[in-house]
N, C-alpha and C. Protein backbone atom coordinates (compact mmCIF):
# COMPACT_ATOMS: atom_id res chain seq x y z
N MET A 1 -9.54 -3.73 31.87
CA MET A 1 -9.64 -3.05 30.39
C MET A 1 -10.06 -1.53 30.67
N VAL A 2 -9.32 -0.82 29.54
CA VAL A 2 -9.68 0.74 29.44
C VAL A 2 -10.64 0.99 28.64
N PRO A 3 -11.82 1.59 29.16
CA PRO A 3 -13.13 1.97 28.22
C PRO A 3 -12.64 3.00 27.18
N VAL A 4 -12.75 3.06 25.72
CA VAL A 4 -12.59 4.09 24.87
C VAL A 4 -13.98 4.11 24.16
N LYS A 5 -14.41 5.36 24.15
CA LYS A 5 -15.65 5.41 23.42
C LYS A 5 -15.56 6.46 22.21
N LEU A 6 -15.85 5.88 20.99
CA LEU A 6 -15.50 6.75 19.70
C LEU A 6 -16.96 6.93 19.07
N LEU A 7 -17.11 8.17 18.65
CA LEU A 7 -18.12 8.47 17.72
C LEU A 7 -17.71 8.79 15.97
N ILE A 8 -18.34 8.16 15.24
CA ILE A 8 -17.97 8.37 13.86
C ILE A 8 -18.98 9.26 13.31
N LEU A 9 -18.53 10.36 12.64
CA LEU A 9 -19.48 11.18 12.08
C LEU A 9 -19.03 11.52 10.61
N GLY A 10 -20.06 11.98 9.66
CA GLY A 10 -19.71 12.40 8.28
C GLY A 10 -21.03 12.23 7.56
N ALA A 11 -21.16 12.93 6.51
CA ALA A 11 -22.36 12.86 5.57
C ALA A 11 -22.58 11.37 5.05
N GLN A 12 -23.86 11.38 4.62
CA GLN A 12 -24.36 10.20 4.12
C GLN A 12 -23.69 9.73 2.97
N ASN A 13 -23.22 8.36 2.83
CA ASN A 13 -22.59 7.62 1.75
C ASN A 13 -21.15 7.81 1.70
N THR A 14 -20.74 8.30 3.13
CA THR A 14 -19.21 8.48 3.20
C THR A 14 -18.57 7.02 3.42
N GLY A 15 -19.30 6.15 4.10
CA GLY A 15 -18.64 4.84 4.35
C GLY A 15 -18.26 4.52 5.85
N LYS A 16 -19.25 5.47 6.55
CA LYS A 16 -19.01 5.28 8.25
C LYS A 16 -19.46 3.71 8.58
N THR A 17 -20.53 3.17 8.35
CA THR A 17 -20.77 1.92 8.73
C THR A 17 -19.96 0.91 7.92
N ALA A 18 -19.63 0.98 6.90
CA ALA A 18 -18.70 0.24 6.28
C ALA A 18 -17.36 0.11 7.12
N LEU A 19 -16.86 1.42 7.42
CA LEU A 19 -15.72 1.45 8.00
C LEU A 19 -15.57 0.80 9.48
N CYS A 20 -16.90 0.92 10.17
CA CYS A 20 -16.92 0.24 11.39
C CYS A 20 -16.99 -1.31 11.55
N VAL A 21 -17.95 -1.71 10.26
CA VAL A 21 -17.96 -3.24 10.06
C VAL A 21 -16.47 -3.93 9.78
N ARG A 22 -15.87 -3.17 8.65
CA ARG A 22 -14.58 -3.49 8.38
C ARG A 22 -13.42 -3.53 9.54
N PHE A 23 -13.58 -2.39 10.49
CA PHE A 23 -12.73 -2.69 11.63
C PHE A 23 -13.00 -3.79 12.44
N ILE A 24 -14.20 -4.07 12.67
CA ILE A 24 -14.66 -5.03 13.67
C ILE A 24 -14.43 -6.39 13.20
N THR A 25 -14.93 -6.77 11.89
CA THR A 25 -15.17 -8.03 11.39
C THR A 25 -14.18 -8.40 10.30
N LYS A 26 -13.34 -7.41 9.77
CA LYS A 26 -12.27 -7.37 8.61
C LYS A 26 -13.08 -7.61 7.44
N ARG A 27 -14.45 -7.59 7.22
CA ARG A 27 -15.03 -7.85 5.95
C ARG A 27 -15.66 -6.38 5.45
N PHE A 28 -15.71 -6.33 4.25
CA PHE A 28 -16.24 -5.29 3.44
C PHE A 28 -17.70 -5.58 2.71
N ILE A 29 -18.68 -4.78 3.11
CA ILE A 29 -20.08 -5.04 2.56
C ILE A 29 -20.20 -3.74 1.80
N GLY A 30 -20.58 -3.61 0.53
CA GLY A 30 -20.63 -2.42 -0.11
C GLY A 30 -21.98 -1.47 0.26
N GLU A 31 -23.10 -2.22 0.36
CA GLU A 31 -24.38 -1.26 0.67
C GLU A 31 -24.98 -1.53 1.86
N TYR A 32 -25.18 -0.62 2.54
CA TYR A 32 -25.84 -0.73 3.98
C TYR A 32 -27.23 0.31 3.90
N ASP A 33 -28.42 -0.23 4.30
CA ASP A 33 -29.39 0.41 4.68
C ASP A 33 -29.57 0.79 6.13
N HIS A 34 -28.99 1.94 6.54
CA HIS A 34 -28.80 2.25 7.70
C HIS A 34 -29.31 3.63 8.16
N LYS A 35 -30.71 3.33 8.94
CA LYS A 35 -31.32 4.70 9.22
C LYS A 35 -31.25 5.07 10.60
N LYS A 36 -30.61 4.21 11.49
CA LYS A 36 -30.54 4.54 12.97
C LYS A 36 -29.26 4.45 13.38
N GLU A 37 -28.98 4.90 14.57
CA GLU A 37 -27.67 4.82 15.35
C GLU A 37 -27.36 3.23 15.41
N VAL A 38 -26.11 2.97 15.48
CA VAL A 38 -25.81 1.50 15.83
C VAL A 38 -24.59 1.74 16.67
N ASN A 39 -24.42 0.71 17.69
CA ASN A 39 -23.33 0.94 18.70
C ASN A 39 -22.30 -0.30 18.63
N TYR A 40 -21.12 -0.48 18.16
CA TYR A 40 -20.35 -1.51 17.93
C TYR A 40 -19.31 -1.70 19.13
N LYS A 41 -19.24 -2.97 19.48
CA LYS A 41 -18.48 -3.01 20.63
C LYS A 41 -17.34 -4.30 20.33
N CYS A 42 -16.14 -4.02 20.48
CA CYS A 42 -14.98 -4.86 20.62
C CYS A 42 -13.93 -4.70 21.56
N SER A 43 -12.98 -5.80 21.40
CA SER A 43 -11.87 -5.29 22.50
C SER A 43 -10.64 -5.65 21.59
N ARG A 44 -9.75 -4.69 21.98
CA ARG A 44 -8.24 -4.82 21.32
C ARG A 44 -7.21 -4.26 22.04
N VAL A 45 -6.06 -4.95 21.84
CA VAL A 45 -4.88 -4.56 22.73
C VAL A 45 -4.10 -3.57 21.83
N VAL A 46 -3.76 -2.20 22.62
CA VAL A 46 -3.38 -1.33 21.87
C VAL A 46 -2.01 -0.84 22.54
N ASP A 47 -0.60 -1.05 22.02
CA ASP A 47 0.45 -0.76 22.92
C ASP A 47 0.38 -1.42 23.89
N GLN A 48 0.15 -2.63 24.21
CA GLN A 48 0.18 -3.66 25.44
C GLN A 48 -0.86 -3.10 26.51
N GLU A 49 -1.83 -2.25 25.94
CA GLU A 49 -2.82 -2.12 26.79
C GLU A 49 -4.31 -2.44 26.38
N ALA A 50 -4.94 -3.29 27.28
CA ALA A 50 -6.32 -3.81 26.73
C ALA A 50 -7.33 -2.74 26.66
N VAL A 51 -8.20 -2.67 25.62
CA VAL A 51 -8.89 -1.60 25.33
C VAL A 51 -10.23 -2.25 25.16
N ASP A 52 -11.37 -1.70 26.12
CA ASP A 52 -12.69 -2.13 25.70
C ASP A 52 -13.33 -0.85 24.88
N LEU A 53 -13.62 -1.06 23.54
CA LEU A 53 -13.71 -0.19 22.47
C LEU A 53 -15.18 -0.25 22.25
N GLU A 54 -15.85 1.04 22.27
CA GLU A 54 -17.39 1.13 21.56
C GLU A 54 -17.21 2.08 20.55
N ILE A 55 -17.98 2.09 19.41
CA ILE A 55 -18.04 2.97 18.22
C ILE A 55 -19.57 3.27 18.04
N LEU A 56 -19.84 4.43 18.11
CA LEU A 56 -21.37 4.64 17.74
C LEU A 56 -21.19 5.33 16.32
N ASP A 57 -22.21 4.73 15.60
CA ASP A 57 -22.44 5.13 14.25
C ASP A 57 -23.78 5.59 14.05
N LEU A 58 -23.82 7.02 13.73
CA LEU A 58 -25.09 7.58 13.56
C LEU A 58 -25.22 8.61 12.58
N THR A 59 -26.55 8.48 11.91
CA THR A 59 -26.79 9.36 10.96
C THR A 59 -26.92 10.85 11.46
N TRP A 60 -26.14 11.44 11.28
CA TRP A 60 -26.13 12.77 12.04
C TRP A 60 -27.19 13.74 11.34
N LYS A 61 -27.75 13.91 10.06
CA LYS A 61 -28.57 14.59 9.68
C LYS A 61 -29.91 14.18 9.94
N GLU A 62 -30.06 13.00 10.35
CA GLU A 62 -31.49 12.62 10.86
C GLU A 62 -31.58 12.35 12.36
N THR A 63 -30.36 13.06 12.89
CA THR A 63 -30.49 13.06 14.42
C THR A 63 -31.00 14.55 14.94
N SER A 64 -31.54 14.43 16.03
CA SER A 64 -31.98 15.92 16.59
C SER A 64 -30.68 16.60 17.02
N VAL A 65 -30.37 17.67 17.17
CA VAL A 65 -29.14 18.49 17.80
C VAL A 65 -28.88 18.07 19.35
N ALA A 66 -30.08 17.98 19.76
CA ALA A 66 -30.02 17.58 21.30
C ALA A 66 -29.30 16.31 21.47
N SER A 67 -29.88 15.07 20.41
CA SER A 67 -29.25 13.79 20.61
C SER A 67 -27.89 13.98 20.13
N LEU A 68 -27.51 14.67 18.96
CA LEU A 68 -26.13 14.53 18.56
C LEU A 68 -25.18 15.30 19.61
N GLU A 69 -25.61 16.22 20.38
CA GLU A 69 -24.92 16.81 21.35
C GLU A 69 -24.72 15.86 22.45
N SER A 70 -25.70 15.15 22.78
CA SER A 70 -25.50 14.10 23.87
C SER A 70 -24.62 12.70 23.58
N SER A 71 -24.63 12.64 22.21
CA SER A 71 -23.74 11.54 21.65
C SER A 71 -22.14 12.10 21.65
N ILE A 72 -21.92 13.51 21.26
CA ILE A 72 -20.55 13.97 21.49
C ILE A 72 -20.21 14.14 22.84
N ARG A 73 -21.07 14.31 23.88
CA ARG A 73 -20.62 14.30 25.33
C ARG A 73 -20.30 13.14 25.71
N TRP A 74 -20.94 11.96 25.14
CA TRP A 74 -20.65 10.46 25.41
C TRP A 74 -19.12 9.91 24.97
N ALA A 75 -18.84 10.75 23.93
CA ALA A 75 -17.54 10.20 23.19
C ALA A 75 -16.28 10.48 23.70
N ASP A 76 -15.37 9.60 23.69
CA ASP A 76 -13.84 10.28 23.92
C ASP A 76 -13.16 10.78 22.91
N GLY A 77 -13.61 10.34 21.69
CA GLY A 77 -12.68 10.52 20.53
C GLY A 77 -13.78 10.61 19.28
N PHE A 78 -13.23 11.09 18.21
CA PHE A 78 -13.97 11.44 16.82
C PHE A 78 -13.44 10.88 15.68
N LEU A 79 -14.01 10.23 14.78
CA LEU A 79 -13.65 9.76 13.46
C LEU A 79 -14.54 10.71 12.35
N LEU A 80 -14.22 11.56 11.84
CA LEU A 80 -14.74 12.54 10.95
C LEU A 80 -14.43 11.92 9.40
N LEU A 81 -15.45 11.61 8.75
CA LEU A 81 -15.55 10.87 7.49
C LEU A 81 -15.94 11.71 6.56
N TYR A 82 -15.11 11.93 5.23
CA TYR A 82 -15.82 12.43 4.23
C TYR A 82 -15.32 11.51 3.05
N SER A 83 -15.79 11.47 1.84
CA SER A 83 -15.58 10.83 0.68
C SER A 83 -14.74 11.87 -0.11
N ILE A 84 -13.59 11.37 -1.00
CA ILE A 84 -12.87 12.16 -1.73
C ILE A 84 -13.77 12.17 -3.08
N THR A 85 -15.02 11.58 -3.18
CA THR A 85 -15.58 11.56 -4.40
C THR A 85 -16.99 12.79 -4.30
N GLN A 86 -17.12 12.97 -3.12
CA GLN A 86 -18.18 14.01 -2.77
C GLN A 86 -17.70 15.24 -2.04
N ARG A 87 -17.53 16.25 -2.99
CA ARG A 87 -17.00 17.49 -2.03
C ARG A 87 -17.87 18.22 -1.10
N PHE A 88 -19.10 18.05 -1.23
CA PHE A 88 -20.07 18.56 -0.04
C PHE A 88 -19.88 17.68 1.25
N SER A 89 -19.16 16.57 1.17
CA SER A 89 -18.99 15.73 2.52
C SER A 89 -17.83 16.29 3.05
N PHE A 90 -16.86 16.63 2.39
CA PHE A 90 -15.65 17.38 2.91
C PHE A 90 -16.13 18.79 3.61
N LEU A 91 -16.88 19.47 2.67
CA LEU A 91 -17.39 20.85 3.22
C LEU A 91 -18.12 20.81 4.59
N GLU A 92 -18.93 19.75 4.87
CA GLU A 92 -19.50 19.71 6.04
C GLU A 92 -18.64 19.39 7.34
N VAL A 93 -17.42 18.96 6.92
CA VAL A 93 -16.63 18.65 8.26
C VAL A 93 -16.53 19.68 9.07
N PRO A 94 -15.93 21.03 8.82
CA PRO A 94 -15.78 21.83 9.70
C PRO A 94 -16.86 22.18 10.70
N GLN A 95 -18.05 22.24 10.10
CA GLN A 95 -19.19 22.50 11.06
C GLN A 95 -19.33 21.27 12.08
N LEU A 96 -18.99 20.11 11.54
CA LEU A 96 -19.08 19.07 12.55
C LEU A 96 -18.19 19.22 13.72
N LYS A 97 -16.73 19.54 13.21
CA LYS A 97 -15.67 19.80 14.38
C LYS A 97 -16.06 21.06 15.18
N THR A 98 -16.65 21.93 14.70
CA THR A 98 -17.22 23.08 15.38
C THR A 98 -18.27 22.87 16.75
N LEU A 99 -19.21 21.91 16.16
CA LEU A 99 -20.00 21.40 16.99
C LEU A 99 -19.55 20.49 18.12
N ILE A 100 -18.51 19.68 17.78
CA ILE A 100 -17.91 19.00 18.62
C ILE A 100 -17.16 19.87 19.74
N ASP A 101 -16.35 20.79 19.22
CA ASP A 101 -15.64 21.69 19.97
C ASP A 101 -16.29 22.31 21.06
N GLN A 102 -17.59 22.80 20.62
CA GLN A 102 -18.53 23.61 21.29
C GLN A 102 -19.21 22.81 22.47
N THR A 103 -19.30 21.65 22.02
CA THR A 103 -20.27 20.67 23.03
C THR A 103 -19.24 20.18 24.02
N LYS A 104 -18.09 19.76 23.65
CA LYS A 104 -17.04 19.15 24.62
C LYS A 104 -16.27 20.50 25.47
N GLN A 105 -16.13 21.70 24.90
CA GLN A 105 -15.53 22.85 25.72
C GLN A 105 -13.97 22.45 26.18
N ASN A 106 -13.25 21.65 25.15
CA ASN A 106 -12.05 21.38 25.53
C ASN A 106 -11.15 21.95 24.48
N LEU A 107 -9.72 22.16 25.05
CA LEU A 107 -9.17 22.69 23.79
C LEU A 107 -8.45 21.78 23.11
N VAL A 108 -8.54 20.38 23.46
CA VAL A 108 -8.07 19.43 22.63
C VAL A 108 -9.01 18.38 22.69
N VAL A 109 -9.46 18.05 21.50
CA VAL A 109 -10.38 16.91 21.20
C VAL A 109 -9.79 16.03 20.34
N PRO A 110 -9.75 14.82 20.76
CA PRO A 110 -8.84 13.57 20.02
C PRO A 110 -9.90 13.38 18.99
N ALA A 111 -9.33 13.59 17.52
CA ALA A 111 -9.96 13.52 16.38
C ALA A 111 -9.02 13.07 15.24
N VAL A 112 -9.62 12.13 14.39
CA VAL A 112 -8.93 11.68 13.33
C VAL A 112 -9.79 12.08 12.00
N LEU A 113 -9.33 12.89 11.01
CA LEU A 113 -10.30 12.95 9.59
C LEU A 113 -9.84 12.02 8.69
N VAL A 114 -10.94 11.26 8.25
CA VAL A 114 -10.68 10.15 7.40
C VAL A 114 -11.33 10.43 5.95
N ALA A 115 -10.09 10.34 4.90
CA ALA A 115 -10.70 10.48 3.86
C ALA A 115 -10.93 9.01 3.09
N ASN A 116 -12.34 8.87 2.78
CA ASN A 116 -12.55 7.49 2.22
C ASN A 116 -12.61 7.50 0.83
N LYS A 117 -12.85 6.23 0.23
CA LYS A 117 -12.98 6.15 -0.95
C LYS A 117 -11.54 6.38 -2.04
N ALA A 118 -10.65 6.23 -1.47
CA ALA A 118 -9.19 6.53 -2.37
C ALA A 118 -9.11 5.52 -3.27
N ASP A 119 -9.83 4.59 -3.52
CA ASP A 119 -9.76 3.58 -4.70
C ASP A 119 -10.62 4.22 -5.94
N LEU A 120 -11.49 5.22 -5.59
CA LEU A 120 -12.15 5.82 -6.83
C LEU A 120 -11.65 7.17 -7.34
N GLU A 121 -10.31 7.06 -7.68
CA GLU A 121 -9.52 8.11 -8.09
C GLU A 121 -9.95 9.02 -9.19
N ILE A 122 -10.43 8.29 -10.08
CA ILE A 122 -11.29 8.92 -11.44
C ILE A 122 -12.28 10.03 -11.01
N GLY A 123 -12.83 9.70 -9.80
CA GLY A 123 -14.14 10.46 -9.56
C GLY A 123 -13.71 11.39 -8.29
N ARG A 124 -12.38 11.88 -7.95
CA ARG A 124 -12.01 12.51 -6.94
C ARG A 124 -12.23 13.87 -7.08
N GLN A 125 -12.91 14.43 -6.26
CA GLN A 125 -13.14 15.92 -6.21
C GLN A 125 -12.49 16.56 -4.96
N VAL A 126 -11.83 15.82 -4.09
CA VAL A 126 -11.04 16.47 -2.92
C VAL A 126 -9.76 16.03 -3.01
N THR A 127 -8.55 16.77 -2.95
CA THR A 127 -7.30 16.39 -3.29
C THR A 127 -6.90 16.09 -1.75
N THR A 128 -5.70 15.15 -2.02
CA THR A 128 -5.00 14.90 -0.41
C THR A 128 -4.49 16.09 0.12
N ASP A 129 -3.93 16.94 -0.65
CA ASP A 129 -3.47 18.27 0.19
C ASP A 129 -4.63 19.09 0.78
N GLU A 130 -5.75 19.00 0.11
CA GLU A 130 -6.94 19.87 0.88
C GLU A 130 -7.21 19.21 2.18
N GLY A 131 -7.37 17.74 2.11
CA GLY A 131 -7.55 16.88 3.21
C GLY A 131 -6.59 17.28 4.48
N GLN A 132 -5.28 17.20 3.87
CA GLN A 132 -4.25 17.52 5.01
C GLN A 132 -4.26 18.94 5.64
N ARG A 133 -4.81 19.78 4.87
CA ARG A 133 -4.51 21.23 5.29
C ARG A 133 -5.78 21.47 6.42
N LEU A 134 -6.99 20.74 5.82
CA LEU A 134 -8.04 20.82 6.90
C LEU A 134 -7.89 20.09 8.10
N ALA A 135 -7.28 18.90 8.22
CA ALA A 135 -6.93 18.39 9.55
C ALA A 135 -5.85 19.26 10.25
N LYS A 136 -5.06 19.81 9.46
CA LYS A 136 -4.07 20.60 10.39
C LYS A 136 -4.83 21.97 11.10
N ASP A 137 -5.94 22.46 10.21
CA ASP A 137 -6.66 23.32 10.64
C ASP A 137 -7.27 23.27 11.72
N LEU A 138 -8.14 22.11 11.72
CA LEU A 138 -9.07 21.45 12.59
C LEU A 138 -8.27 20.78 13.83
N ARG A 139 -6.98 20.57 13.89
CA ARG A 139 -6.15 20.03 14.98
C ARG A 139 -6.56 18.49 14.85
N CYS A 140 -6.64 17.95 13.80
CA CYS A 140 -6.94 16.36 13.69
C CYS A 140 -5.75 15.50 13.15
N GLY A 141 -5.71 14.28 13.41
CA GLY A 141 -4.99 13.40 12.72
C GLY A 141 -5.62 13.27 11.17
N PHE A 142 -4.89 12.83 10.24
CA PHE A 142 -5.46 12.69 9.12
C PHE A 142 -5.06 11.12 8.36
N ARG A 143 -5.99 10.81 7.76
CA ARG A 143 -5.85 9.42 7.03
C ARG A 143 -6.65 9.35 5.55
N GLU A 144 -5.97 8.96 4.73
CA GLU A 144 -6.68 8.77 3.28
C GLU A 144 -6.72 7.35 3.19
N LEU A 145 -7.85 6.81 2.96
CA LEU A 145 -7.90 5.37 2.57
C LEU A 145 -9.01 4.74 1.88
N SER A 146 -9.08 3.59 1.73
CA SER A 146 -10.20 3.07 0.74
C SER A 146 -10.68 1.91 1.94
N VAL A 147 -11.81 1.99 2.39
CA VAL A 147 -12.39 1.16 3.39
C VAL A 147 -12.58 -0.18 2.43
N ALA A 148 -13.09 0.00 1.15
CA ALA A 148 -13.33 -1.40 0.25
C ALA A 148 -12.08 -2.22 0.25
N GLU A 149 -10.87 -1.49 0.14
CA GLU A 149 -9.69 -2.08 -0.24
C GLU A 149 -8.53 -2.40 0.72
N ALA A 150 -8.50 -1.80 1.84
CA ALA A 150 -7.53 -1.57 2.70
C ALA A 150 -7.85 -1.75 4.07
N VAL A 151 -7.94 -3.04 4.78
CA VAL A 151 -8.26 -3.35 6.20
C VAL A 151 -7.19 -2.73 7.00
N LEU A 152 -6.17 -2.95 6.78
CA LEU A 152 -4.87 -2.50 7.41
C LEU A 152 -4.90 -0.95 7.67
N ALA A 153 -5.23 -0.31 6.64
CA ALA A 153 -5.46 1.21 6.62
C ALA A 153 -6.54 1.77 7.49
N VAL A 154 -7.70 0.82 7.55
CA VAL A 154 -8.77 1.24 8.31
C VAL A 154 -8.34 0.93 9.82
N GLU A 155 -7.87 -0.29 10.12
CA GLU A 155 -7.37 -0.31 11.40
C GLU A 155 -6.32 0.48 11.91
N ALA A 156 -5.56 1.21 10.96
CA ALA A 156 -4.37 2.24 11.43
C ALA A 156 -5.04 3.35 11.95
N ALA A 157 -6.19 3.90 11.10
CA ALA A 157 -7.02 5.02 11.38
C ALA A 157 -7.48 4.88 12.78
N VAL A 158 -8.28 3.75 12.87
CA VAL A 158 -9.06 3.76 14.30
C VAL A 158 -8.12 3.47 15.46
N LEU A 159 -6.97 3.02 15.26
CA LEU A 159 -6.09 2.65 16.37
C LEU A 159 -5.32 3.97 16.51
N GLN A 160 -4.99 4.95 15.45
CA GLN A 160 -4.47 6.21 15.74
C GLN A 160 -5.50 6.80 16.60
N LEU A 161 -6.51 6.82 16.43
CA LEU A 161 -7.55 7.70 17.35
C LEU A 161 -7.51 7.11 18.69
N VAL A 162 -7.58 5.83 18.97
CA VAL A 162 -7.61 5.13 20.20
C VAL A 162 -6.35 5.59 20.98
N ARG A 163 -5.09 5.74 20.27
CA ARG A 163 -3.81 6.27 21.06
C ARG A 163 -3.97 7.63 21.65
N LEU A 164 -4.78 8.33 20.35
CA LEU A 164 -4.95 9.89 20.95
C LEU A 164 -5.87 9.86 22.26
N VAL A 165 -6.81 9.16 22.06
CA VAL A 165 -7.86 9.21 23.47
C VAL A 165 -6.89 8.76 24.61
N LEU A 166 -6.21 7.60 24.52
CA LEU A 166 -5.31 6.88 25.70
C LEU A 166 -4.52 8.15 26.22
N ASP A 167 -3.85 8.75 25.33
CA ASP A 167 -3.01 9.71 25.59
C ASP A 167 -3.45 10.82 26.39
N GLN A 168 -4.58 11.13 26.01
CA GLN A 168 -5.41 12.39 26.73
C GLN A 168 -5.79 11.78 28.24
N GLN A 169 -6.31 10.54 28.11
CA GLN A 169 -7.01 10.03 29.37
C GLN A 169 -5.85 9.76 30.44
N ARG A 170 -4.56 9.70 30.17
CA ARG A 170 -3.34 9.51 31.00
C ARG A 170 -3.16 10.85 31.91
N PRO A 171 -3.23 10.56 33.44
CA PRO A 171 -2.80 11.66 34.20
C PRO A 171 -1.73 12.38 33.86
N LEU A 172 -1.58 13.59 34.00
CA LEU A 172 -0.19 14.26 33.75
C LEU A 172 0.90 13.80 34.42
N PRO A 173 0.67 13.51 35.77
CA PRO A 173 1.84 13.02 36.47
C PRO A 173 2.56 11.70 35.81
N ASP A 174 1.59 10.91 35.43
CA ASP A 174 2.22 9.74 34.70
C ASP A 174 2.89 9.95 33.65
N ARG A 175 2.50 11.17 32.71
CA ARG A 175 3.32 11.64 31.56
C ARG A 175 4.40 11.92 31.85
N ARG A 176 4.76 12.78 33.01
CA ARG A 176 5.95 13.51 33.47
C ARG A 176 6.72 12.40 34.01
N SER A 177 6.26 11.55 34.75
CA SER A 177 6.93 10.41 35.33
C SER A 177 7.65 9.56 34.24
N TYR A 178 6.88 9.18 33.26
CA TYR A 178 7.48 8.50 32.23
C TYR A 178 8.46 9.21 31.46
N MET A 179 8.28 10.39 31.16
CA MET A 179 9.40 11.21 30.57
C MET A 179 10.71 11.20 31.32
N LEU A 180 10.62 11.43 32.79
CA LEU A 180 11.63 11.43 33.62
C LEU A 180 12.17 10.18 33.77
N THR A 181 11.62 9.05 33.70
CA THR A 181 12.13 7.62 33.60
C THR A 181 12.80 7.42 32.10
N VAL A 182 12.30 8.03 31.23
CA VAL A 182 13.15 7.82 30.02
C VAL A 182 14.29 8.71 30.18
N ARG A 183 14.41 9.83 30.61
CA ARG A 183 15.45 10.91 30.78
C ARG A 183 16.55 10.26 31.61
N HIS A 184 16.40 9.90 32.59
CA HIS A 184 17.25 9.14 33.66
C HIS A 184 17.90 7.92 32.84
N ALA A 185 17.25 7.13 32.10
CA ALA A 185 17.48 5.87 31.43
C ALA A 185 18.50 6.20 30.51
N LEU A 186 18.36 7.32 29.62
CA LEU A 186 19.14 7.75 28.57
C LEU A 186 20.51 8.44 29.45
N THR A 187 20.38 9.24 30.31
CA THR A 187 21.55 9.77 30.94
C THR A 187 22.27 8.75 31.49
N ARG A 188 21.86 7.64 32.22
CA ARG A 188 22.77 6.46 32.72
C ARG A 188 23.36 5.87 31.45
N LYS A 189 22.56 5.44 30.47
CA LYS A 189 23.12 4.98 29.07
C LYS A 189 24.43 5.89 28.59
N LEU A 190 24.22 7.10 28.51
CA LEU A 190 25.22 8.10 28.14
C LEU A 190 26.33 8.24 29.12
N THR A 191 26.12 7.89 30.24
CA THR A 191 27.29 8.06 31.27
C THR A 191 28.22 6.94 31.09
N ARG A 192 27.30 5.62 30.95
CA ARG A 192 28.19 4.32 30.94
C ARG A 192 28.90 4.40 29.66
N SER A 193 28.27 5.06 28.47
CA SER A 193 29.13 4.83 27.18
C SER A 193 30.32 5.66 27.17
N LYS A 194 30.31 6.95 27.98
CA LYS A 194 31.29 7.96 28.16
C LYS A 194 32.60 7.14 29.07
N THR A 195 32.12 6.42 30.16
CA THR A 195 32.91 5.60 30.75
C THR A 195 33.82 4.59 30.12
N MET A 196 32.93 4.10 29.30
CA MET A 196 33.56 2.93 28.54
C MET A 196 34.78 3.20 27.46
N GLN A 197 34.44 4.56 27.01
CA GLN A 197 35.35 5.41 26.01
C GLN A 197 36.91 5.40 26.61
N TRP A 198 36.89 5.85 28.10
CA TRP A 198 37.99 6.16 28.66
C TRP A 198 38.63 5.11 28.89
C-alpha cells in the first residue's frame, strides 16, 4: 500500500467535514459541530495502485500557526475549499496557499481548489470563472461541486489530488522509463503498420 496524506483547509462552514464524510462513507450529513481536528483513514485503489489514505480535517482559524505548519509539513497534498456562497472563504484561499508554499518550500505542491455548494446557485457570490482563474494562478487543480448532491464529484476531486500526489512521489527515472516504454511501443506499432501497408 502506498501511503498518501491529505490536508483539507478552508474557512468555517465551507463543507470540509461534509466532504471528508461523503468521500469515506458516501453519506451526507448537513450539520457538524466540529471544533477540533479529525483524522480520517480509508483505503482505495487508484489506477491499479492500492493507496492507504489519511485525510486531516482541521479548523485552521482555531489552530495555532505552529500546529498548522506542522500539519502542512505532514501532508503530501492539499484540498483547498471555499463556498461559492461565501466570498470571504474564496478570498482566504490565496493566503492559505501562500502559507503552504512557504512551509513546504517546494516548487510544485499538489493541491486542488474545490468550490463547494454549487447546488446553492441563487446565493452564488463567486463565479466559476473566478475559481478557475484563481486555481490557475495558484497552480492548483479545480473542481466545482456540491458535496450535498454529488458523491461522484467528491470522489473525483479527492482522487484527482491523490493522482497528483502519486505522480509527484514517483521517482523521476520511473517516469522517464515509462515514457521510453511508451515511445518504443508506439515506434514498433508504427513500424509494423508501415510494413503491413507495403
